[in-house]
Protein backbone atom coordinates (compact mmCIF):
# COMPACT_ATOMS: atom_id res chain seq x y z
CA MET A 1 103.36 172.92 110.31
CA SER A 2 103.07 170.49 113.22
CA PRO A 3 101.65 167.05 112.36
CA VAL A 4 98.05 166.39 113.23
CA THR A 5 97.88 164.47 116.51
CA LEU A 6 95.72 161.45 117.24
CA ASP A 7 93.83 163.47 119.86
CA GLN A 8 93.03 166.12 117.26
CA ILE A 9 91.75 163.52 114.81
CA VAL A 10 89.55 161.96 117.47
CA ALA A 11 88.18 165.36 118.52
CA THR A 12 87.30 166.20 114.91
CA SER A 13 85.73 162.78 114.45
CA GLN A 14 83.57 163.21 117.54
CA LYS A 15 82.27 166.59 116.31
CA ALA A 16 81.29 165.02 113.00
CA LEU A 17 79.65 162.15 114.90
CA ALA A 18 77.54 164.56 116.92
CA ALA A 19 76.24 166.12 113.70
CA ARG A 20 75.33 162.72 112.25
CA GLU A 21 73.53 161.72 115.46
CA ARG A 22 71.40 164.86 115.21
CA ALA A 23 70.60 164.13 111.56
CA VAL A 24 69.80 160.43 112.02
CA PRO A 25 68.67 159.38 115.53
CA LEU A 26 69.92 156.06 116.86
CA ALA A 27 66.41 154.57 116.77
CA GLU A 28 66.20 155.26 113.05
CA LEU A 29 69.62 153.74 112.50
CA LYS A 30 68.62 150.59 114.37
CA ALA A 31 65.45 150.33 112.32
CA ARG A 32 67.55 150.19 109.16
CA LEU A 33 69.11 146.94 110.35
CA ALA A 34 65.87 145.04 109.74
CA GLY A 35 66.22 142.64 106.86
CA MET A 36 69.92 143.26 106.27
CA PRO A 37 71.83 140.21 105.03
CA ALA A 38 74.44 138.49 107.19
CA THR A 39 77.95 139.89 107.16
CA ARG A 40 80.57 138.25 104.98
CA GLY A 41 82.95 136.89 107.60
CA PHE A 42 86.00 139.14 107.60
CA ALA A 43 88.18 137.10 109.97
CA ARG A 44 87.06 133.89 108.29
CA ALA A 45 88.28 135.21 104.95
CA LEU A 46 91.72 135.87 106.44
CA ARG A 47 91.92 132.44 108.04
CA GLY A 48 90.92 130.83 104.74
CA ALA A 49 93.72 132.40 102.71
CA PRO A 50 95.55 129.75 100.63
CA GLN A 51 98.91 131.22 101.60
CA ARG A 52 100.40 133.67 104.03
CA PRO A 53 100.07 136.52 104.36
CA ALA A 54 96.38 137.12 103.90
CA VAL A 55 96.10 140.59 102.41
CA ILE A 56 93.81 143.38 103.56
CA ALA A 57 94.20 146.02 100.85
CA GLU A 58 93.24 149.52 101.87
CA ILE A 59 91.35 152.26 100.06
CA LYS A 60 92.54 155.61 101.36
CA GLN A 61 92.55 158.89 99.48
CA ALA A 62 94.64 160.92 101.92
CA SER A 63 96.29 160.76 105.34
CA PRO A 64 97.66 163.24 107.91
CA SER A 65 101.19 161.93 107.47
CA GLY A 66 101.13 161.42 103.71
CA GLY A 67 98.78 164.11 102.41
CA LEU A 68 96.89 163.41 99.19
CA LEU A 69 97.86 159.89 98.15
CA ARG A 70 96.06 159.45 94.85
CA PRO A 71 94.81 162.44 92.84
CA ASP A 72 93.00 160.22 90.30
CA PHE A 73 91.06 158.47 93.05
CA ASP A 74 88.35 156.02 91.93
CA ALA A 75 87.33 153.88 94.89
CA GLU A 76 85.21 151.45 92.89
CA ALA A 77 87.94 150.78 90.33
CA ILE A 78 90.47 150.32 93.13
CA ALA A 79 88.23 147.83 94.94
CA ARG A 80 87.71 145.80 91.77
CA THR A 81 91.45 145.72 91.15
CA TYR A 82 92.16 144.52 94.69
CA GLN A 83 89.58 141.77 94.29
CA ALA A 84 91.05 140.69 90.96
CA CYS A 85 94.56 140.65 92.43
CA GLY A 86 93.58 138.20 95.15
CA ALA A 87 93.18 140.36 98.25
CA ARG A 88 91.21 138.55 100.94
CA ALA A 89 89.52 141.70 102.26
CA ILE A 90 89.40 145.46 101.83
CA SER A 91 89.85 148.24 104.39
CA VAL A 92 87.91 151.44 103.69
CA LEU A 93 88.76 154.73 105.39
CA THR A 94 85.56 156.58 106.28
CA GLU A 95 86.92 159.53 108.30
CA GLN A 96 86.42 162.67 106.23
CA ALA A 97 88.40 165.60 107.65
CA HIS A 98 91.85 164.02 107.55
CA PHE A 99 91.46 161.00 105.24
CA GLN A 100 88.81 162.27 102.78
CA GLY A 101 86.66 159.20 103.38
CA ASN A 102 82.93 158.80 104.01
CA LEU A 103 80.31 156.22 104.90
CA ALA A 104 78.57 156.51 101.54
CA ARG A 105 81.72 155.18 99.88
CA LEU A 106 81.67 152.17 102.17
CA ALA A 107 78.06 151.46 101.23
CA ARG A 108 78.83 151.73 97.50
CA LEU A 109 81.78 149.38 97.74
CA HIS A 110 79.63 146.81 99.50
CA GLN A 111 77.63 146.66 96.28
CA VAL A 112 80.66 146.63 93.98
CA VAL A 113 82.77 143.77 95.35
CA ALA A 114 82.14 140.47 97.11
CA LEU A 115 85.09 140.78 99.49
CA PRO A 116 84.45 141.52 103.17
CA LEU A 117 84.97 145.16 104.12
CA LEU A 118 86.59 146.71 107.18
CA GLN A 119 85.37 150.14 108.19
CA LYS A 120 88.52 151.95 109.28
CA ASP A 121 87.70 154.99 111.37
CA PHE A 122 88.03 156.35 114.89
CA LEU A 123 85.18 154.67 116.77
CA THR A 124 84.44 155.95 120.26
CA ALA A 125 80.67 155.40 120.61
CA PRO A 126 78.09 152.64 120.04
CA TYR A 127 76.32 154.78 117.42
CA GLN A 128 79.31 154.33 115.10
CA VAL A 129 79.11 150.54 115.33
CA TYR A 130 75.49 150.67 114.19
CA GLU A 131 76.52 153.04 111.39
CA ALA A 132 79.18 150.60 110.23
CA ARG A 133 76.72 147.72 110.05
CA VAL A 134 74.07 149.75 108.25
CA HIS A 135 76.57 150.96 105.65
CA GLY A 136 77.79 147.49 104.71
CA ALA A 137 80.83 146.89 106.90
CA ASP A 138 81.75 143.33 107.79
CA ALA A 139 84.28 144.40 110.42
CA VAL A 140 85.25 147.50 112.38
CA LEU A 141 88.53 148.85 113.65
CA LEU A 142 88.80 149.56 117.37
CA ILE A 143 91.93 151.47 118.43
CA ALA A 144 93.09 150.70 121.95
CA ALA A 145 94.90 154.04 122.21
CA ILE A 146 91.67 156.05 122.06
CA LEU A 147 89.36 153.83 124.12
CA GLU A 148 89.12 153.25 127.85
CA ASP A 149 88.72 149.63 128.91
CA GLY A 150 84.99 149.87 129.56
CA MET A 151 84.13 151.42 126.20
CA LEU A 152 86.50 149.08 124.40
CA ALA A 153 84.71 146.06 125.84
CA GLU A 154 81.29 147.62 125.14
CA LEU A 155 82.06 148.35 121.49
CA ALA A 156 83.61 144.94 120.92
CA GLY A 157 80.57 143.27 122.46
CA LEU A 158 78.13 145.32 120.42
CA ALA A 159 80.02 144.60 117.21
CA ALA A 160 79.80 140.88 117.92
CA GLU A 161 76.04 141.18 118.56
CA LEU A 162 75.61 142.85 115.17
CA GLY A 163 77.67 140.22 113.37
CA LEU A 164 80.70 142.44 112.86
CA ASP A 165 84.22 141.16 113.35
CA VAL A 166 86.61 143.41 115.27
CA LEU A 167 90.17 144.31 114.36
CA LEU A 168 91.52 145.55 117.68
CA GLU A 169 94.61 147.67 117.10
CA VAL A 170 97.56 148.11 119.46
CA HIS A 171 101.01 149.60 119.05
CA ASP A 172 102.83 148.96 122.34
CA GLU A 173 103.00 146.54 125.28
CA PRO A 174 100.55 148.35 127.63
CA GLU A 175 97.92 148.42 124.87
CA LEU A 176 98.57 144.77 124.10
CA ALA A 177 97.99 143.81 127.74
CA ARG A 178 94.64 145.62 127.67
CA ALA A 179 93.64 144.16 124.33
CA LEU A 180 94.25 140.59 125.40
CA LYS A 181 91.53 141.00 128.03
CA VAL A 182 88.96 141.59 125.27
CA THR A 183 87.72 138.78 123.07
CA THR A 184 88.09 139.73 119.41
CA PRO A 185 88.78 137.59 116.34
CA MET A 186 91.62 139.80 115.10
CA LEU A 187 94.46 141.76 116.66
CA GLY A 188 96.18 144.46 114.64
CA ILE A 189 99.71 145.56 115.47
CA ASN A 190 100.51 149.03 114.15
CA HIS A 191 104.17 149.68 113.34
CA ARG A 192 103.51 153.42 113.43
CA ASN A 193 104.06 155.34 116.65
CA LEU A 194 100.74 157.17 116.97
CA LYS A 195 102.40 160.20 118.57
CA THR A 196 105.44 160.70 116.35
CA TYR A 197 104.33 158.81 113.20
CA ALA A 198 107.71 157.04 113.17
CA ILE A 199 107.69 153.48 111.78
CA ASP A 200 109.35 150.48 113.42
CA LEU A 201 108.76 147.19 111.62
CA ALA A 202 110.17 145.27 114.58
CA THR A 203 107.08 146.16 116.62
CA SER A 204 104.86 143.36 115.34
CA ALA A 205 107.37 140.56 115.96
CA ALA A 206 108.17 141.94 119.43
CA LEU A 207 104.53 142.09 120.50
CA ILE A 208 103.79 138.67 119.01
CA ARG A 209 106.60 137.25 121.14
CA GLN A 210 105.12 138.99 124.18
CA MET A 211 101.78 137.33 123.54
CA GLY A 212 103.09 133.79 123.50
CA ASP A 213 100.21 131.35 123.82
CA ARG A 214 97.87 134.18 124.90
CA ARG A 215 97.25 135.00 121.24
CA GLY A 216 94.80 132.11 121.10
CA ASP A 217 93.07 131.83 117.75
CA ARG A 218 93.21 135.56 116.99
CA VAL A 219 94.31 136.48 113.48
CA ILE A 220 97.37 138.70 113.87
CA VAL A 221 97.47 141.57 111.37
CA ALA A 222 100.62 143.64 110.76
CA GLU A 223 99.82 147.25 109.86
CA SER A 224 101.64 150.33 108.53
CA GLY A 225 105.02 150.94 106.94
CA LEU A 226 105.14 147.89 104.67
CA ARG A 227 106.74 149.14 101.47
CA THR A 228 108.58 146.20 99.91
CA ARG A 229 108.26 142.44 99.45
CA GLU A 230 111.08 142.09 101.97
CA ASP A 231 109.09 144.09 104.54
CA VAL A 232 106.11 141.78 104.03
CA ALA A 233 108.27 138.67 104.36
CA ARG A 234 109.83 140.08 107.53
CA VAL A 235 106.55 140.55 109.39
CA VAL A 236 105.28 137.15 108.24
CA GLU A 237 108.42 135.56 109.61
CA GLY A 238 107.77 137.47 112.82
CA GLY A 239 104.42 135.73 113.19
CA ALA A 240 101.87 137.93 111.41
CA GLN A 241 99.21 135.97 109.56
CA ALA A 242 97.84 138.94 107.63
CA VAL A 243 98.96 142.38 106.52
CA LEU A 244 97.06 145.61 106.00
CA ILE A 245 98.60 147.82 103.33
CA GLY A 246 97.33 151.14 102.05
CA GLU A 247 99.69 153.98 101.23
CA THR A 248 102.26 151.85 99.42
CA LEU A 249 99.57 150.69 97.00
CA MET A 250 97.68 153.98 96.83
CA ARG A 251 100.74 155.90 95.64
CA ARG A 252 101.39 153.60 92.68
CA PRO A 253 99.75 154.39 89.31
CA ASP A 254 99.32 150.70 88.42
CA LEU A 255 97.79 148.95 91.42
CA ALA A 256 97.98 145.47 89.89
CA ILE A 257 101.73 145.74 89.27
CA ALA A 258 102.29 147.17 92.74
CA TYR A 259 100.30 144.33 94.30
CA GLN A 260 102.31 141.69 92.43
CA GLU A 261 105.60 143.30 93.42
CA LEU A 262 104.59 143.20 97.08
CA PHE A 263 103.00 139.77 97.29
CA GLY A 264 104.14 137.69 94.36
CA GLY A 265 106.51 135.03 95.64
CA VAL A 266 106.16 135.75 99.37
CA VAL A 267 106.81 132.38 100.94
CA ALA A 268 103.99 130.84 102.96
CA THR A 269 104.84 129.96 106.55
CA THR A 270 103.33 127.79 109.25
CA HIS A 271 102.46 130.69 111.56
């Protein structure tokens, strides 16, 4: 069977979005924002980490490349474990068809842990930014590969208006050039080729070098393919200030042991 493509995932996501828009009009969604507390400061939590890397631990039940990752999936227990282990933030997959996530899970986790939450999904419309805020997200993922420049800037601007931090994700030089034209507090560098699913851990260091002083005060987050403590140390040495790790943790029966094996003893750097 051929792997699911990014375009297919986005198309499925947009169909599901259309159904949600019919069920809950945008005006109703906006009305739900009244009286909501301030967001928790996702980027601030990463910058305030006592050592590098700051860890964004991910809650993901399944993926197109990895299939079912954790049969005994308990999102609330996982979130509590991540918090106890010292993660600075949590990423929550909310796409349903390919990752078995949902927005209700995001809302529940907002009540369960005090850590800031990233909604990780395939956002292509303003409605989804409002959804993220209403369901307890403190940050949203924007993927450069699926957004034209105009919509990318619009979604980033709307997120900022709603108090949401943006993790803007790139995976090659052309996307990086586009991303640097948009003001966001975080830049994610994905080691995974979004067409072939191949992993290249050299990607983050290479793109960080390309940025030079254009990185400004953005928090640089290395994403995907980090399986060992040596992998983590490598991307930190390459200039990443934070890492986002999901599948490596999700596949391990004992999350606390897996977390310690990955992050215990990783040397802090001056990056």
